[in-house]
Amino acid sequence: MSFRALFKRAKISRRDTMEENTSSNPVPEQQPGQAPKPEAAPVSVPPAECPKTRLWLKVVAALYALSLFAAAAVISKADAARKVKPGDMDLSKFTGLVQSKKDAVAVIPLYGVITQGSSSRSWEHGSQQIAKRIRAMSEKKEVKAILLDINTPGGSVGAVQEIYSAILRAKRETKKPFVARFGEVSASGGYYVASACDLIIAQPGTITGSIGVIFSVSNFEGLMKKVGMKNEAIKSGKFKDIGSPTRDMTPEERKILQGMIDDSYEQFVAAVADGRQMPLEEVKKLADGRIYTGRQALGNHLVDRLGDLRDALDAAGELGKIGKNPRVLTDTDPFENLLSLMDSKLQLFGTKAVTDALELGPRLEYRWYGR
């Protein structure tokens, strides 16, 4: 039998089967005048709830109940504590708290050139940030002494004096001792800041001293003439553009600036004499701008002893009456330290030299320019 014949035979068999089903289950005819029956609406079967969802709901409900119970317990204990007199309190229950607030020495770093700060970068430590840190650390009850880790050639007069004043204010208000530790360099403004401390410790090879003032003014008049540039200043007074880099300084202007330098110098010498308990004339003999090693400074009574950071921490602990090898407390942010490290690495490619070269404005500074 051919394929076409088989297909035709199967089709006929299917038709016969459908006719038999229709005859066995006839569809009732609708009577005239009878309303049509409405079709039955499909029955919606609610979906079965997932077992995992029920489990998570139970967990959340249990955690919420637990948090309510804990909050109620804390509130009840707080109410009970308020009703207890201070003399009736058992401090042995708070041993964990006492250990977390153990007495310590706070370490505040002072690195690099001291400026007020002209950047919004949070990891830069300008004089305002350092002064704020000194105030915050001195107000902590667990801090019994403060160590300034100094490694700076100095900086602008105003910024240096801001940190100096913050130290004196903290000592006056909290009666806590300050120790200055000199690293590689602590010259000029760095020494000015240290003179406010109760003790100064330096390495034998530390570069320090440079007690004096400098006012830097650049002059580009010759260069501008070569390239055909000329500057015209319209001013309200003849001294309004004093320190301009586009012309030579007049004798009158030099006299005015020298007077500023002499006044700032007297302030520096007075701060050193007061902090080191030395006669003013003796300080002036050492304050001609020269630099000293740490050992030379010890011989001239500019530092108190020689030692490293460990020695400085032990000395601060003894002054704070908590003994040697004290707990060290810092408030540095690891994220800020990372950004500061990245910024210092970028300076190796010359970015710092470029920015310094672009700062053409005159500056009155307590700074050693050997670094």
Protein backbone atom coordinates (compact mmCIF):
# COMPACT_ATOMS: atom_id res chain seq x y z
CA MET A 1 0.00 0.00 0.00
CA SER A 2 1.31 3.42 -0.93
CA PHE A 3 1.98 6.25 1.57
CA ARG A 4 -0.80 8.38 0.05
CA ALA A 5 -3.36 5.59 0.52
CA LEU A 6 -2.35 5.13 4.16
CA PHE A 7 -2.69 8.86 4.85
CA LYS A 8 -6.17 8.95 3.23
CA ARG A 9 -7.29 5.93 5.28
CA ALA A 10 -6.12 7.50 8.56
CA LYS A 11 -7.98 10.72 7.74
CA ILE A 12 -11.24 8.85 7.11
CA SER A 13 -10.84 6.92 10.39
CA ARG A 14 -10.34 10.14 12.34
CA ARG A 15 -13.49 11.68 10.83
CA ASP A 16 -15.55 8.64 11.74
CA THR A 17 -14.33 8.80 15.35
CA MET A 18 -15.33 12.46 15.68
CA GLU A 19 -18.84 11.73 14.34
CA GLU A 20 -19.31 8.90 16.89
CA ASN A 21 -18.36 11.23 19.77
CA THR A 22 -20.82 13.86 18.56
CA SER A 23 -23.66 11.38 18.35
CA SER A 24 -22.97 9.98 21.82
CA ASN A 25 -22.81 13.46 23.46
CA PRO A 26 -25.28 15.63 21.59
CA VAL A 27 -25.24 19.36 22.34
CA PRO A 28 -28.62 20.44 23.76
CA GLU A 29 -30.44 22.80 21.47
CA GLN A 30 -31.54 26.13 22.86
CA GLN A 31 -35.35 26.42 23.20
CA PRO A 32 -36.93 29.47 21.61
CA GLY A 33 -37.43 32.29 24.15
CA GLN A 34 -34.96 30.78 26.58
CA ALA A 35 -32.08 33.01 27.75
CA PRO A 36 -28.61 31.75 26.96
CA LYS A 37 -26.75 30.22 29.87
CA PRO A 38 -23.73 32.18 31.00
CA GLU A 39 -20.39 30.52 30.62
CA ALA A 40 -18.68 29.43 33.80
CA ALA A 41 -15.87 31.74 34.92
CA PRO A 42 -12.44 30.16 35.12
CA VAL A 43 -11.48 29.19 38.65
CA SER A 44 -8.22 30.81 39.76
CA VAL A 45 -5.99 28.59 41.80
CA PRO A 46 -3.79 30.50 44.25
CA PRO A 47 -0.08 29.83 43.73
CA ALA A 48 1.57 27.68 46.30
CA GLU A 49 3.70 29.71 48.76
CA CYS A 50 7.41 29.04 48.47
CA PRO A 51 8.89 27.30 51.55
CA LYS A 52 12.01 29.51 51.38
CA THR A 53 9.91 32.68 51.56
CA ARG A 54 8.16 31.44 54.69
CA LEU A 55 11.53 30.64 56.26
CA TRP A 56 12.93 34.13 55.60
CA LEU A 57 9.81 35.78 56.97
CA LYS A 58 10.22 33.81 60.17
CA VAL A 59 13.88 34.78 60.44
CA VAL A 60 13.12 38.50 59.96
CA ALA A 61 10.33 38.34 62.54
CA ALA A 62 12.64 36.62 65.04
CA LEU A 63 15.38 39.22 64.55
CA TYR A 64 12.91 42.06 64.95
CA ALA A 65 11.59 40.56 68.18
CA LEU A 66 15.16 40.09 69.43
CA SER A 67 16.03 43.72 68.69
CA LEU A 68 12.95 44.89 70.60
CA PHE A 69 13.96 42.75 73.56
CA ALA A 70 17.54 44.13 73.51
CA ALA A 71 16.30 47.73 73.29
CA ALA A 72 13.99 47.18 76.24
CA ALA A 73 16.87 45.71 78.28
CA VAL A 74 19.16 48.66 77.50
CA ILE A 75 16.48 51.19 78.40
CA SER A 76 15.73 49.46 81.68
CA LYS A 77 19.41 49.37 82.65
CA ALA A 78 19.83 53.03 81.75
CA ASP A 79 16.89 53.95 83.97
CA ALA A 80 18.35 51.90 86.81
CA ALA A 81 21.76 53.53 86.38
CA ARG A 82 20.25 57.00 86.60
CA LYS A 83 18.63 56.09 89.90
CA VAL A 84 21.89 54.80 91.41
CA LYS A 85 24.03 57.28 93.28
CA PRO A 86 27.67 57.66 92.15
CA GLY A 87 28.90 56.32 95.49
CA ASP A 88 26.86 53.13 95.11
CA MET A 89 28.21 52.23 91.66
CA ASP A 90 30.40 49.14 91.35
CA LEU A 91 33.24 50.11 89.01
CA SER A 92 34.35 46.50 88.70
CA LYS A 93 31.53 46.00 86.18
CA PHE A 94 33.15 48.51 83.87
CA THR A 95 36.63 46.97 83.68
CA GLY A 96 36.31 46.50 79.93
CA LEU A 97 35.52 50.16 79.47
CA VAL A 98 38.41 51.22 81.67
CA GLN A 99 40.84 49.08 79.66
CA SER A 100 39.67 50.57 76.35
CA LYS A 101 40.35 54.05 77.75
CA LYS A 102 43.84 53.27 79.04
CA ASP A 103 46.12 56.26 79.49
CA ALA A 104 48.20 57.02 76.42
CA VAL A 105 50.59 59.38 74.68
CA ALA A 106 49.19 61.08 71.59
CA VAL A 107 51.54 61.36 68.60
CA ILE A 108 50.95 64.18 66.11
CA PRO A 109 53.15 64.27 62.98
CA LEU A 110 54.38 67.57 61.55
CA TYR A 111 56.01 66.82 58.22
CA GLY A 112 56.97 68.95 55.24
CA VAL A 113 56.82 72.68 54.67
CA ILE A 114 54.43 74.38 57.09
CA THR A 115 51.70 76.34 55.31
CA GLN A 116 48.17 77.30 56.11
CA GLY A 117 47.05 75.15 53.18
CA SER A 118 45.67 76.30 49.85
CA SER A 119 44.15 73.00 48.78
CA SER A 120 40.86 71.29 49.59
CA ARG A 121 42.55 67.88 49.67
CA SER A 122 41.72 66.31 53.03
CA TRP A 123 45.07 64.49 53.32
CA GLU A 124 47.11 67.69 53.28
CA HIS A 125 48.07 68.79 56.78
CA GLY A 126 48.09 72.58 56.89
CA SER A 127 48.57 74.62 60.04
CA GLN A 128 44.83 74.78 60.68
CA GLN A 129 44.51 70.99 60.58
CA ILE A 130 47.53 70.56 62.88
CA ALA A 131 46.18 73.11 65.37
CA LYS A 132 42.79 71.39 65.32
CA ARG A 133 44.44 68.03 65.95
CA ILE A 134 46.43 69.43 68.88
CA ARG A 135 43.27 70.80 70.44
CA ALA A 136 41.32 67.55 69.93
CA MET A 137 44.06 65.32 71.33
CA SER A 138 44.71 67.51 74.34
CA GLU A 139 41.01 67.37 75.27
CA LYS A 140 40.95 63.55 75.40
CA LYS A 141 40.92 62.32 78.99
CA GLU A 142 43.03 59.24 78.25
CA VAL A 143 45.80 61.37 76.68
CA LYS A 144 48.32 62.27 79.38
CA ALA A 145 51.04 63.73 77.14
CA ILE A 146 51.46 64.79 73.51
CA LEU A 147 54.44 64.04 71.29
CA LEU A 148 55.07 66.17 68.21
CA ASP A 149 57.00 64.17 65.61
CA ILE A 150 58.65 67.03 63.70
CA ASN A 151 60.39 66.70 60.35
CA THR A 152 60.13 70.07 58.61
CA PRO A 153 62.35 72.91 57.37
CA GLY A 154 59.78 75.46 58.55
CA GLY A 155 57.30 77.53 56.58
CA SER A 156 55.34 80.74 56.48
CA VAL A 157 55.42 82.95 59.57
CA GLY A 158 51.65 82.97 60.10
CA ALA A 159 51.25 79.21 59.76
CA VAL A 160 54.14 78.47 62.14
CA GLN A 161 52.77 80.85 64.76
CA GLU A 162 49.31 79.28 64.49
CA ILE A 163 50.68 75.88 65.55
CA TYR A 164 52.87 77.52 68.23
CA SER A 165 49.83 79.29 69.71
CA ALA A 166 47.79 76.06 69.65
CA ILE A 167 50.45 74.32 71.75
CA LEU A 168 50.60 77.14 74.32
CA ARG A 169 46.82 77.23 74.58
CA ALA A 170 46.58 73.47 75.06
CA LYS A 171 49.24 73.54 77.77
CA ARG A 172 47.52 76.40 79.54
CA GLU A 173 44.05 74.84 79.45
CA THR A 174 44.85 71.16 80.04
CA LYS A 175 48.19 71.28 81.92
CA LYS A 176 49.42 68.38 79.78
CA PRO A 177 53.12 68.12 78.80
CA PHE A 178 54.33 68.40 75.21
CA VAL A 179 57.46 66.70 73.85
CA ALA A 180 59.08 67.55 70.50
CA ARG A 181 60.98 64.86 68.65
CA PHE A 182 63.26 65.96 65.80
CA GLY A 183 63.66 63.67 62.83
CA GLU A 184 65.85 64.36 59.82
CA VAL A 185 65.27 68.13 59.79
CA SER A 186 63.66 70.47 62.27
CA ALA A 187 64.92 73.88 61.32
CA SER A 188 63.66 77.45 61.49
CA GLY A 189 59.85 77.25 61.80
CA GLY A 190 60.17 73.64 62.95
CA TYR A 191 62.33 74.80 65.84
CA TYR A 192 59.96 77.73 66.51
CA VAL A 193 57.12 75.23 67.07
CA ALA A 194 59.31 72.98 69.24
CA SER A 195 60.29 75.87 71.51
CA ALA A 196 56.75 75.81 72.92
CA CYS A 197 57.22 72.21 74.13
CA ASP A 198 58.42 71.11 77.55
CA LEU A 199 61.13 68.79 76.20
CA ILE A 200 63.05 68.54 72.91
CA ILE A 201 64.74 65.32 71.79
CA ALA A 202 66.85 65.16 68.61
CA GLN A 203 69.00 62.68 66.76
CA PRO A 204 72.75 63.43 66.87
CA GLY A 205 72.69 64.14 63.14
CA THR A 206 69.44 66.09 63.01
CA ILE A 207 69.63 69.40 61.13
CA THR A 208 68.14 72.11 63.32
CA GLY A 209 68.62 75.77 64.18
CA SER A 210 68.30 78.26 61.31
CA ILE A 211 66.71 80.74 63.72
CA GLY A 212 65.79 83.68 61.53
CA VAL A 213 63.44 85.12 58.92
CA ILE A 214 63.58 85.29 55.14
CA PHE A 215 61.51 87.24 52.63
CA SER A 216 61.72 85.85 49.09
CA VAL A 217 61.08 88.13 46.12
CA SER A 218 61.62 87.12 42.49
CA ASN A 219 62.57 89.60 39.76
CA PHE A 220 61.69 88.82 36.13
CA GLU A 221 62.24 92.28 34.71
CA GLY A 222 65.26 91.27 32.62
CA LEU A 223 63.50 88.20 31.25
CA MET A 224 60.40 90.19 30.36
CA LYS A 225 62.47 92.71 28.42
CA LYS A 226 63.99 89.92 26.36
CA VAL A 227 60.61 88.57 25.34
CA GLY A 228 59.08 92.01 24.82
CA MET A 229 56.75 92.05 27.82
CA LYS A 230 56.03 95.03 30.06
CA ASN A 231 53.90 95.34 33.18
CA GLU A 232 51.86 98.45 34.04
CA ALA A 233 50.59 98.80 37.62
CA ILE A 234 47.85 101.35 38.44
CA LYS A 235 47.93 101.77 42.22
CA SER A 236 46.51 103.92 44.99
CA GLY A 237 49.87 104.42 46.72
CA LYS A 238 53.51 104.16 45.78
CA PHE A 239 54.04 101.10 47.98
CA LYS A 240 50.94 99.21 46.82
CA ASP A 241 52.91 96.86 44.53
CA ILE A 242 55.81 96.34 46.92
CA GLY A 243 57.49 93.03 46.20
CA SER A 244 56.41 93.01 42.54
CA PRO A 245 58.45 90.54 40.43
CA THR A 246 58.25 92.78 37.35
CA ARG A 247 60.58 95.57 38.52
CA ASP A 248 63.51 96.32 40.80
CA MET A 249 62.94 97.07 44.45
CA THR A 250 63.39 100.68 45.56
CA PRO A 251 65.52 101.62 48.62
CA GLU A 252 62.39 102.75 50.46
CA GLU A 253 60.68 99.43 49.83
CA ARG A 254 63.75 97.53 50.97
CA LYS A 255 63.75 99.51 54.21
CA ILE A 256 60.07 98.69 54.82
CA LEU A 257 60.61 94.99 54.19
CA GLN A 258 63.68 94.92 56.39
CA GLY A 259 61.60 96.41 59.19
CA MET A 260 59.08 93.55 58.77
CA ILE A 261 61.86 90.99 58.88
CA ASP A 262 63.42 92.54 61.98
CA ASP A 263 60.07 92.52 63.79
CA SER A 264 59.42 88.88 62.89
CA TYR A 265 62.96 88.02 63.96
CA GLU A 266 62.42 89.60 67.38
CA GLN A 267 59.27 87.49 67.79
CA PHE A 268 61.24 84.34 66.92
CA VAL A 269 64.06 85.11 69.36
CA ALA A 270 61.59 85.96 72.13
CA ALA A 271 59.75 82.65 71.63
CA VAL A 272 62.99 80.67 71.84
CA ALA A 273 64.21 82.58 74.90
CA ASP A 274 60.88 82.05 76.67
CA GLY A 275 60.58 78.37 75.78
CA ARG A 276 64.18 77.41 76.47
CA GLN A 277 64.53 79.60 79.57
CA MET A 278 67.57 81.34 78.07
CA PRO A 279 68.65 85.01 78.19
CA LEU A 280 67.60 86.94 75.10
CA GLU A 281 71.14 88.01 74.26
CA GLU A 282 72.41 84.44 74.46
CA VAL A 283 69.73 83.33 72.01
CA LYS A 284 70.65 86.13 69.59
CA LYS A 285 74.24 84.88 69.50
CA LEU A 286 72.91 81.57 68.15
CA ALA A 287 70.20 83.10 65.97
CA ASP A 288 72.12 84.34 62.95
CA GLY A 289 70.46 81.84 60.60
CA ARG A 290 73.08 79.13 60.87
CA ILE A 291 72.12 75.47 61.18
CA TYR A 292 73.32 72.97 63.80
CA THR A 293 73.51 69.23 64.15
CA GLY A 294 71.57 67.68 66.97
CA ARG A 295 74.73 67.22 69.01
CA GLN A 296 75.77 70.85 68.45
CA ALA A 297 72.30 71.98 69.43
CA LEU A 298 72.59 69.98 72.66
CA GLY A 299 75.84 71.75 73.47
CA ASN A 300 74.15 75.13 72.87
CA HIS A 301 71.13 74.20 75.03
CA LEU A 302 68.76 74.28 72.06
CA VAL A 303 67.68 70.67 72.71
CA ASP A 304 67.43 68.74 75.97
CA ARG A 305 68.73 65.29 75.03
CA LEU A 306 69.63 63.00 72.14
CA GLY A 307 67.52 60.00 71.22
CA ASP A 308 65.11 58.39 68.80
CA LEU A 309 61.34 58.09 68.63
CA ARG A 310 61.27 55.33 71.27
CA ASP A 311 63.21 57.54 73.68
CA ALA A 312 60.83 60.42 73.00
CA LEU A 313 57.79 58.24 73.72
CA ASP A 314 59.31 57.03 77.00
CA ALA A 315 60.07 60.61 78.01
CA ALA A 316 56.54 61.72 77.18
CA GLY A 317 55.14 58.82 79.23
CA GLU A 318 57.26 59.81 82.22
CA LEU A 319 56.19 63.46 81.97
CA GLY A 320 52.58 62.31 81.75
CA LYS A 321 53.13 60.10 84.82
CA ILE A 322 52.17 56.89 83.05
CA GLY A 323 55.68 55.44 82.81
CA LYS A 324 57.83 54.19 79.98
CA ASN A 325 56.59 52.25 76.97
CA PRO A 326 53.21 53.99 77.00
CA ARG A 327 50.24 53.19 74.80
CA VAL A 328 50.37 55.33 71.63
CA LEU A 329 47.30 57.08 70.34
CA THR A 330 47.02 58.53 66.84
CA ASP A 331 44.07 59.89 64.89
CA THR A 332 45.36 59.36 61.39
CA ASP A 333 42.97 58.01 58.76
CA PRO A 334 44.37 55.06 56.74
CA PHE A 335 42.57 56.30 53.62
CA GLU A 336 44.10 59.76 54.02
CA ASN A 337 47.51 58.18 54.59
CA LEU A 338 47.16 56.28 51.31
CA LEU A 339 46.24 59.44 49.40
CA SER A 340 49.11 61.32 51.04
CA LEU A 341 51.52 58.55 50.02
CA MET A 342 50.27 58.64 46.43
CA ASP A 343 50.64 62.43 46.36
CA SER A 344 54.21 62.23 47.66
CA LYS A 345 55.10 59.63 45.00
CA LEU A 346 53.75 61.88 42.27
CA GLN A 347 56.08 64.62 43.51
CA LEU A 348 59.00 62.45 42.41
CA PHE A 349 58.01 63.17 38.80
CA GLY A 350 58.53 66.90 39.26
CA THR A 351 54.98 68.05 39.94
CA LYS A 352 55.98 69.60 43.27
CA ALA A 353 58.82 71.56 41.66
CA VAL A 354 56.46 72.95 39.05
CA THR A 355 53.88 74.10 41.60
CA ASP A 356 56.59 75.70 43.76
CA ALA A 357 57.94 77.54 40.74
CA LEU A 358 54.50 78.92 39.98
CA GLU A 359 54.21 80.45 43.45
CA LEU A 360 55.76 83.77 42.52
CA GLY A 361 54.29 85.85 45.33
CA PRO A 362 56.62 87.19 48.05
CA ARG A 363 56.62 85.16 51.26
CA LEU A 364 57.71 86.03 54.80
CA GLU A 365 58.97 82.76 56.22
CA TYR A 366 60.62 81.00 59.12
CA ARG A 367 62.21 78.51 56.76
CA TRP A 368 65.53 76.91 55.94
CA TYR A 369 65.95 76.73 52.17
CA GLY A 370 68.62 74.06 52.24
CA ARG A 371 65.87 71.49 51.77
